[in-house]
Amino acid sequence: MALIVAARFDTFEDAEKAATALMSEGVTADELHTFFVNPAGWHDRYPLGGDRAADPNSKGAPATAVAGAALVGLAGAFLGGIVAWLFTTSPLPVVGGVAVGAYVGSLAGAMYSLGRPRRQGRFEAARAKATEGRRAGVLLAVHTPPERQGEIAALLRNAGGMEVERAHGRWNQGRWEDFDPLRSPHPQQ
């Protein structure tokens, strides 16, 4: 695995200026790779687009919808049966009232949680932070030997690079081949 030091820039022009500064310090063009990192969700890893198979915030949604539908549906059935019983003692309207109450109650119970933000515990929040990926922008990656990584990181910072990071990856013909935009950067100190 190759040692790679990279930094994010706002524009390609800024990244090109940094690349020029690096080349003036002895870095060759084959050791530089400039590319754009798309915003989260725009990496098209799946046929219908997106970065992940499922939205992380949808975890537990089916069970919540079923539980809400069951509980409120049961309450609706009870209320529907009581209302129908008040108007008639015939069993057919009472059964109809129970059915309508159960249907309306289950629909209300299933729809109750739609659009409401889900609370995250400390563990889920920390896990989401660790896997949130990286910010969009132009990334300038430099393939460097270990003894020059501090110097390269300082040059990138001085050239306006943000989120200077250190990574290990596959470098081939001037390109960082196994770059993963979903992996959070590891800051270079």
C-alpha atoms as a PDB file:
ATOM      1  CA  MET A   1       0.000   0.000   0.000  1.00  0.00           C
ATOM      2  CA  ALA A   2       1.224   3.433  -0.908  1.00  0.00           C
ATOM      3  CA  LEU A   3       1.372   6.315   1.547  1.00  0.00           C
ATOM      4  CA  ILE A   4      -0.853   9.171   0.379  1.00  0.00           C
ATOM      5  CA  VAL A   5      -1.180  12.665   1.818  1.00  0.00           C
ATOM      6  CA  ALA A   6      -4.201  14.581   0.517  1.00  0.00           C
ATOM      7  CA  ALA A   7      -5.995  17.875   1.071  1.00  0.00           C
ATOM      8  CA  ARG A   8      -9.334  19.331   0.002  1.00  0.00           C
ATOM      9  CA  PHE A   9      -9.533  22.600  -1.938  1.00  0.00           C
ATOM     10  CA  ASP A  10     -12.515  24.721  -2.927  1.00  0.00           C
ATOM     11  CA  THR A  11     -11.583  25.019  -6.612  1.00  0.00           C
ATOM     12  CA  PHE A  12      -9.458  23.261  -9.205  1.00  0.00           C
ATOM     13  CA  GLU A  13      -7.445  26.477  -9.591  1.00  0.00           C
ATOM     14  CA  ASP A  14      -6.465  26.397  -5.911  1.00  0.00           C
ATOM     15  CA  ALA A  15      -5.497  22.726  -6.211  1.00  0.00           C
ATOM     16  CA  GLU A  16      -3.426  23.466  -9.332  1.00  0.00           C
ATOM     17  CA  LYS A  17      -1.569  26.253  -7.504  1.00  0.00           C
ATOM     18  CA  ALA A  18      -0.804  23.813  -4.690  1.00  0.00           C
ATOM     19  CA  ALA A  19       0.355  21.213  -7.236  1.00  0.00           C
ATOM     20  CA  THR A  20       2.691  23.792  -8.789  1.00  0.00           C
ATOM     21  CA  ALA A  21       4.113  24.591  -5.344  1.00  0.00           C
ATOM     22  CA  LEU A  22       4.633  20.870  -4.672  1.00  0.00           C
ATOM     23  CA  MET A  23       6.385  20.358  -8.016  1.00  0.00           C
ATOM     24  CA  SER A  24       8.713  23.262  -7.246  1.00  0.00           C
ATOM     25  CA  GLU A  25       9.711  21.279  -4.115  1.00  0.00           C
ATOM     26  CA  GLY A  26      10.595  18.161  -6.104  1.00  0.00           C
ATOM     27  CA  VAL A  27       7.286  16.270  -6.303  1.00  0.00           C
ATOM     28  CA  THR A  28       6.766  14.807  -9.794  1.00  0.00           C
ATOM     29  CA  ALA A  29       3.527  15.002 -11.794  1.00  0.00           C
ATOM     30  CA  ASP A  30       3.135  11.195 -11.514  1.00  0.00           C
ATOM     31  CA  GLU A  31       2.940  11.589  -7.736  1.00  0.00           C
ATOM     32  CA  LEU A  32      -0.025  14.008  -7.933  1.00  0.00           C
ATOM     33  CA  HIS A  33      -3.690  13.202  -8.526  1.00  0.00           C
ATOM     34  CA  THR A  34      -6.352  15.928  -8.580  1.00  0.00           C
ATOM     35  CA  PHE A  35     -10.036  14.972  -8.685  1.00  0.00           C
ATOM     36  CA  PHE A  36     -13.468  16.113  -7.491  1.00  0.00           C
ATOM     37  CA  VAL A  37     -15.271  14.425  -4.593  1.00  0.00           C
ATOM     38  CA  ASN A  38     -19.046  14.525  -5.031  1.00  0.00           C
ATOM     39  CA  PRO A  39     -21.360  15.460  -2.145  1.00  0.00           C
ATOM     40  CA  ALA A  40     -22.648  12.649   0.057  1.00  0.00           C
ATOM     41  CA  GLY A  41     -25.339  10.618  -1.680  1.00  0.00           C
ATOM     42  CA  TRP A  42     -24.105  11.402  -5.205  1.00  0.00           C
ATOM     43  CA  HIS A  43     -21.582   8.612  -5.671  1.00  0.00           C
ATOM     44  CA  ASP A  44     -23.937   6.251  -7.576  1.00  0.00           C
ATOM     45  CA  ARG A  45     -22.772   3.035  -5.975  1.00  0.00           C
ATOM     46  CA  TYR A  46     -26.158   1.426  -6.631  1.00  0.00           C
ATOM     47  CA  PRO A  47     -28.136   1.123  -9.905  1.00  0.00           C
ATOM     48  CA  LEU A  48     -30.741   3.623  -8.725  1.00  0.00           C
ATOM     49  CA  GLY A  49     -28.086   5.961  -7.321  1.00  0.00           C
ATOM     50  CA  GLY A  50     -26.974   6.721  -3.817  1.00  0.00           C
ATOM     51  CA  ASP A  51     -24.127   5.626  -1.579  1.00  0.00           C
ATOM     52  CA  ARG A  52     -25.813   3.097   0.678  1.00  0.00           C
ATOM     53  CA  ALA A  53     -28.362   0.324   0.259  1.00  0.00           C
ATOM     54  CA  ALA A  54     -30.620   1.889   2.908  1.00  0.00           C
ATOM     55  CA  ASP A  55     -30.925   5.228   4.618  1.00  0.00           C
ATOM     56  CA  PRO A  56     -29.280   4.922   8.052  1.00  0.00           C
ATOM     57  CA  ASN A  57     -32.156   6.908   9.583  1.00  0.00           C
ATOM     58  CA  SER A  58     -34.686   4.319   8.388  1.00  0.00           C
ATOM     59  CA  LYS A  59     -33.395   1.705  10.823  1.00  0.00           C
ATOM     60  CA  GLY A  60     -36.336   0.418  12.857  1.00  0.00           C
ATOM     61  CA  ALA A  61     -38.953   2.273  10.780  1.00  0.00           C
ATOM     62  CA  PRO A  62     -40.949  -0.833   9.730  1.00  0.00           C
ATOM     63  CA  ALA A  63     -41.269  -2.069  13.310  1.00  0.00           C
ATOM     64  CA  THR A  64     -42.299   1.394  14.502  1.00  0.00           C
ATOM     65  CA  ALA A  65     -44.943   1.668  11.779  1.00  0.00           C
ATOM     66  CA  VAL A  66     -46.367  -1.781  12.575  1.00  0.00           C
ATOM     67  CA  ALA A  67     -46.416  -1.093  16.315  1.00  0.00           C
ATOM     68  CA  GLY A  68     -48.089   2.285  15.818  1.00  0.00           C
ATOM     69  CA  ALA A  69     -50.644   0.794  13.428  1.00  0.00           C
ATOM     70  CA  ALA A  70     -51.430  -2.043  15.836  1.00  0.00           C
ATOM     71  CA  LEU A  71     -51.795   0.123  18.941  1.00  0.00           C
ATOM     72  CA  VAL A  72     -53.786   2.959  17.410  1.00  0.00           C
ATOM     73  CA  GLY A  73     -55.740   0.465  15.265  1.00  0.00           C
ATOM     74  CA  LEU A  74     -56.789  -1.395  18.402  1.00  0.00           C
ATOM     75  CA  ALA A  75     -57.894   1.859  20.025  1.00  0.00           C
ATOM     76  CA  GLY A  76     -59.765   2.814  16.836  1.00  0.00           C
ATOM     77  CA  ALA A  77     -61.517  -0.556  16.743  1.00  0.00           C
ATOM     78  CA  PHE A  78     -62.592  -0.150  20.366  1.00  0.00           C
ATOM     79  CA  LEU A  79     -63.912   3.387  19.791  1.00  0.00           C
ATOM     80  CA  GLY A  80     -65.606   2.396  16.516  1.00  0.00           C
ATOM     81  CA  GLY A  81     -67.343  -0.498  18.243  1.00  0.00           C
ATOM     82  CA  ILE A  82     -68.549   1.711  21.119  1.00  0.00           C
ATOM     83  CA  VAL A  83     -69.865   4.423  18.764  1.00  0.00           C
ATOM     84  CA  ALA A  84     -71.711   1.836  16.635  1.00  0.00           C
ATOM     85  CA  TRP A  85     -73.119   0.155  19.768  1.00  0.00           C
ATOM     86  CA  LEU A  86     -74.551   3.520  20.928  1.00  0.00           C
ATOM     87  CA  PHE A  87     -76.664   3.801  17.762  1.00  0.00           C
ATOM     88  CA  THR A  88     -77.782   0.195  17.348  1.00  0.00           C
ATOM     89  CA  THR A  89     -77.630  -3.152  19.054  1.00  0.00           C
ATOM     90  CA  SER A  90     -77.465  -5.075  15.790  1.00  0.00           C
ATOM     91  CA  PRO A  91     -74.115  -6.871  15.444  1.00  0.00           C
ATOM     92  CA  LEU A  92     -73.541  -5.992  11.759  1.00  0.00           C
ATOM     93  CA  PRO A  93     -73.152  -2.194  12.258  1.00  0.00           C
ATOM     94  CA  VAL A  94     -71.042  -2.837  15.366  1.00  0.00           C
ATOM     95  CA  VAL A  95     -68.680  -5.072  13.345  1.00  0.00           C
ATOM     96  CA  GLY A  96     -68.611  -2.403  10.607  1.00  0.00           C
ATOM     97  CA  GLY A  97     -67.790   0.263  13.203  1.00  0.00           C
ATOM     98  CA  VAL A  98     -65.011  -1.903  14.614  1.00  0.00           C
ATOM     99  CA  ALA A  99     -63.583  -2.456  11.108  1.00  0.00           C
ATOM    100  CA  VAL A 100     -63.707   1.225  10.137  1.00  0.00           C
ATOM    101  CA  GLY A 101     -62.251   2.258  13.494  1.00  0.00           C
ATOM    102  CA  ALA A 102     -59.450  -0.287  13.165  1.00  0.00           C
ATOM    103  CA  TYR A 103     -58.641   0.854   9.615  1.00  0.00           C
ATOM    104  CA  VAL A 104     -58.620   4.568  10.425  1.00  0.00           C
ATOM    105  CA  GLY A 105     -56.691   3.956  13.643  1.00  0.00           C
ATOM    106  CA  SER A 106     -54.070   1.784  11.968  1.00  0.00           C
ATOM    107  CA  LEU A 107     -53.595   4.360   9.203  1.00  0.00           C
ATOM    108  CA  ALA A 108     -53.190   7.140  11.765  1.00  0.00           C
ATOM    109  CA  GLY A 109     -50.778   5.030  13.815  1.00  0.00           C
ATOM    110  CA  ALA A 110     -48.610   4.162  10.817  1.00  0.00           C
ATOM    111  CA  MET A 111     -48.492   7.761   9.570  1.00  0.00           C
ATOM    112  CA  TYR A 112     -47.836   9.326  12.982  1.00  0.00           C
ATOM    113  CA  SER A 113     -44.064   8.996  12.849  1.00  0.00           C
ATOM    114  CA  LEU A 114     -43.637  10.138   9.231  1.00  0.00           C
ATOM    115  CA  GLY A 115     -41.545  13.277   8.946  1.00  0.00           C
ATOM    116  CA  ARG A 116     -40.552  13.244  12.593  1.00  0.00           C
ATOM    117  CA  PRO A 117     -36.820  13.319  13.307  1.00  0.00           C
ATOM    118  CA  ARG A 118     -35.585  10.195  15.020  1.00  0.00           C
ATOM    119  CA  ARG A 119     -33.595  10.514  18.213  1.00  0.00           C
ATOM    120  CA  GLN A 120     -30.147   9.026  18.189  1.00  0.00           C
ATOM    121  CA  GLY A 121     -28.401   7.671  21.221  1.00  0.00           C
ATOM    122  CA  ARG A 122     -24.760   8.486  21.898  1.00  0.00           C
ATOM    123  CA  PHE A 123     -23.621   5.252  20.255  1.00  0.00           C
ATOM    124  CA  GLU A 124     -25.628   5.835  17.063  1.00  0.00           C
ATOM    125  CA  ALA A 125     -24.504   9.472  16.855  1.00  0.00           C
ATOM    126  CA  ALA A 126     -20.838   8.508  17.232  1.00  0.00           C
ATOM    127  CA  ARG A 127     -21.205   5.760  14.649  1.00  0.00           C
ATOM    128  CA  ALA A 128     -22.895   8.132  12.181  1.00  0.00           C
ATOM    129  CA  LYS A 129     -20.112  10.684  12.684  1.00  0.00           C
ATOM    130  CA  ALA A 130     -17.425   8.062  12.052  1.00  0.00           C
ATOM    131  CA  THR A 131     -19.025   6.900   8.804  1.00  0.00           C
ATOM    132  CA  GLU A 132     -20.285  10.176   7.401  1.00  0.00           C
ATOM    133  CA  GLY A 133     -17.613  10.287   4.715  1.00  0.00           C
ATOM    134  CA  ARG A 134     -15.910  13.424   3.548  1.00  0.00           C
ATOM    135  CA  ARG A 135     -17.011  16.842   2.410  1.00  0.00           C
ATOM    136  CA  ALA A 136     -17.361  17.631  -1.280  1.00  0.00           C
ATOM    137  CA  GLY A 137     -14.598  19.495  -3.055  1.00  0.00           C
ATOM    138  CA  VAL A 138     -11.438  19.152  -5.090  1.00  0.00           C
ATOM    139  CA  LEU A 139      -8.977  16.685  -3.611  1.00  0.00           C
ATOM    140  CA  LEU A 140      -5.256  16.851  -4.331  1.00  0.00           C
ATOM    141  CA  ALA A 141      -3.615  13.540  -3.437  1.00  0.00           C
ATOM    142  CA  VAL A 142       0.166  13.161  -3.227  1.00  0.00           C
ATOM    143  CA  HIS A 143       1.961   9.815  -3.318  1.00  0.00           C
ATOM    144  CA  THR A 144       4.886  10.349  -0.974  1.00  0.00           C
ATOM    145  CA  PRO A 145       7.583   8.393   0.830  1.00  0.00           C
ATOM    146  CA  PRO A 146       7.124   8.208   4.630  1.00  0.00           C
ATOM    147  CA  GLU A 147      10.057  10.527   5.355  1.00  0.00           C
ATOM    148  CA  ARG A 148       8.428  13.392   3.378  1.00  0.00           C
ATOM    149  CA  GLN A 149       4.844  13.110   4.643  1.00  0.00           C
ATOM    150  CA  GLY A 150       5.204  15.925   7.211  1.00  0.00           C
ATOM    151  CA  GLU A 151       6.796  18.238   4.655  1.00  0.00           C
ATOM    152  CA  ILE A 152       4.094  17.463   2.048  1.00  0.00           C
ATOM    153  CA  ALA A 153       1.322  18.031   4.622  1.00  0.00           C
ATOM    154  CA  ALA A 154       2.835  21.408   5.563  1.00  0.00           C
ATOM    155  CA  LEU A 155       3.105  22.405   1.891  1.00  0.00           C
ATOM    156  CA  LEU A 156      -0.546  21.480   1.311  1.00  0.00           C
ATOM    157  CA  ARG A 157      -1.653  23.480   4.370  1.00  0.00           C
ATOM    158  CA  ASN A 158       0.426  26.499   3.315  1.00  0.00           C
ATOM    159  CA  ALA A 159      -1.147  26.337  -0.146  1.00  0.00           C
ATOM    160  CA  GLY A 160      -4.644  26.593   1.387  1.00  0.00           C
ATOM    161  CA  GLY A 161      -5.461  22.906   1.671  1.00  0.00           C
ATOM    162  CA  MET A 162      -8.172  21.970   4.149  1.00  0.00           C
ATOM    163  CA  GLU A 163      -8.634  18.670   5.970  1.00  0.00           C
ATOM    164  CA  VAL A 164      -5.109  17.469   5.233  1.00  0.00           C
ATOM    165  CA  GLU A 165      -5.170  13.713   5.662  1.00  0.00           C
ATOM    166  CA  ARG A 166      -2.908  10.694   5.599  1.00  0.00           C
ATOM    167  CA  ALA A 167      -4.084   7.505   3.909  1.00  0.00           C
ATOM    168  CA  HIS A 168      -2.842   4.210   2.564  1.00  0.00           C
ATOM    169  CA  GLY A 169      -4.061   3.098  -0.817  1.00  0.00           C
ATOM    170  CA  ARG A 170      -3.286   1.679  -4.219  1.00  0.00           C
ATOM    171  CA  TRP A 171      -1.394   4.179  -6.405  1.00  0.00           C
ATOM    172  CA  ASN A 172      -1.080   3.311 -10.093  1.00  0.00           C
ATOM    173  CA  GLN A 173       0.058   5.496 -13.009  1.00  0.00           C
ATOM    174  CA  GLY A 174      -0.463   8.751 -11.165  1.00  0.00           C
ATOM    175  CA  ARG A 175      -3.880   7.871  -9.725  1.00  0.00           C
ATOM    176  CA  TRP A 176      -5.247   6.915  -6.322  1.00  0.00           C
ATOM    177  CA  GLU A 177      -7.135   3.864  -7.551  1.00  0.00           C
ATOM    178  CA  ASP A 178      -8.921   2.619  -4.435  1.00  0.00           C
ATOM    179  CA  PHE A 179     -10.103   6.000  -3.111  1.00  0.00           C
ATOM    180  CA  ASP A 180     -13.347   5.608  -1.146  1.00  0.00           C
ATOM    181  CA  PRO A 181     -15.412   8.810  -0.769  1.00  0.00           C
ATOM    182  CA  LEU A 182     -17.502   7.211   1.994  1.00  0.00           C
ATOM    183  CA  ARG A 183     -14.519   6.652   4.268  1.00  0.00           C
ATOM    184  CA  SER A 184     -13.946   9.531   6.669  1.00  0.00           C
ATOM    185  CA  PRO A 185     -10.543  11.213   6.322  1.00  0.00           C
ATOM    186  CA  HIS A 186      -7.838  10.612   8.937  1.00  0.00           C
ATOM    187  CA  PRO A 187      -6.307  14.029   9.698  1.00  0.00           C
ATOM    188  CA  GLN A 188      -2.564  14.453   9.290  1.00  0.00           C
ATOM    189  CA  GLN A 189      -1.065  16.160  12.340  1.00  0.00           C
END
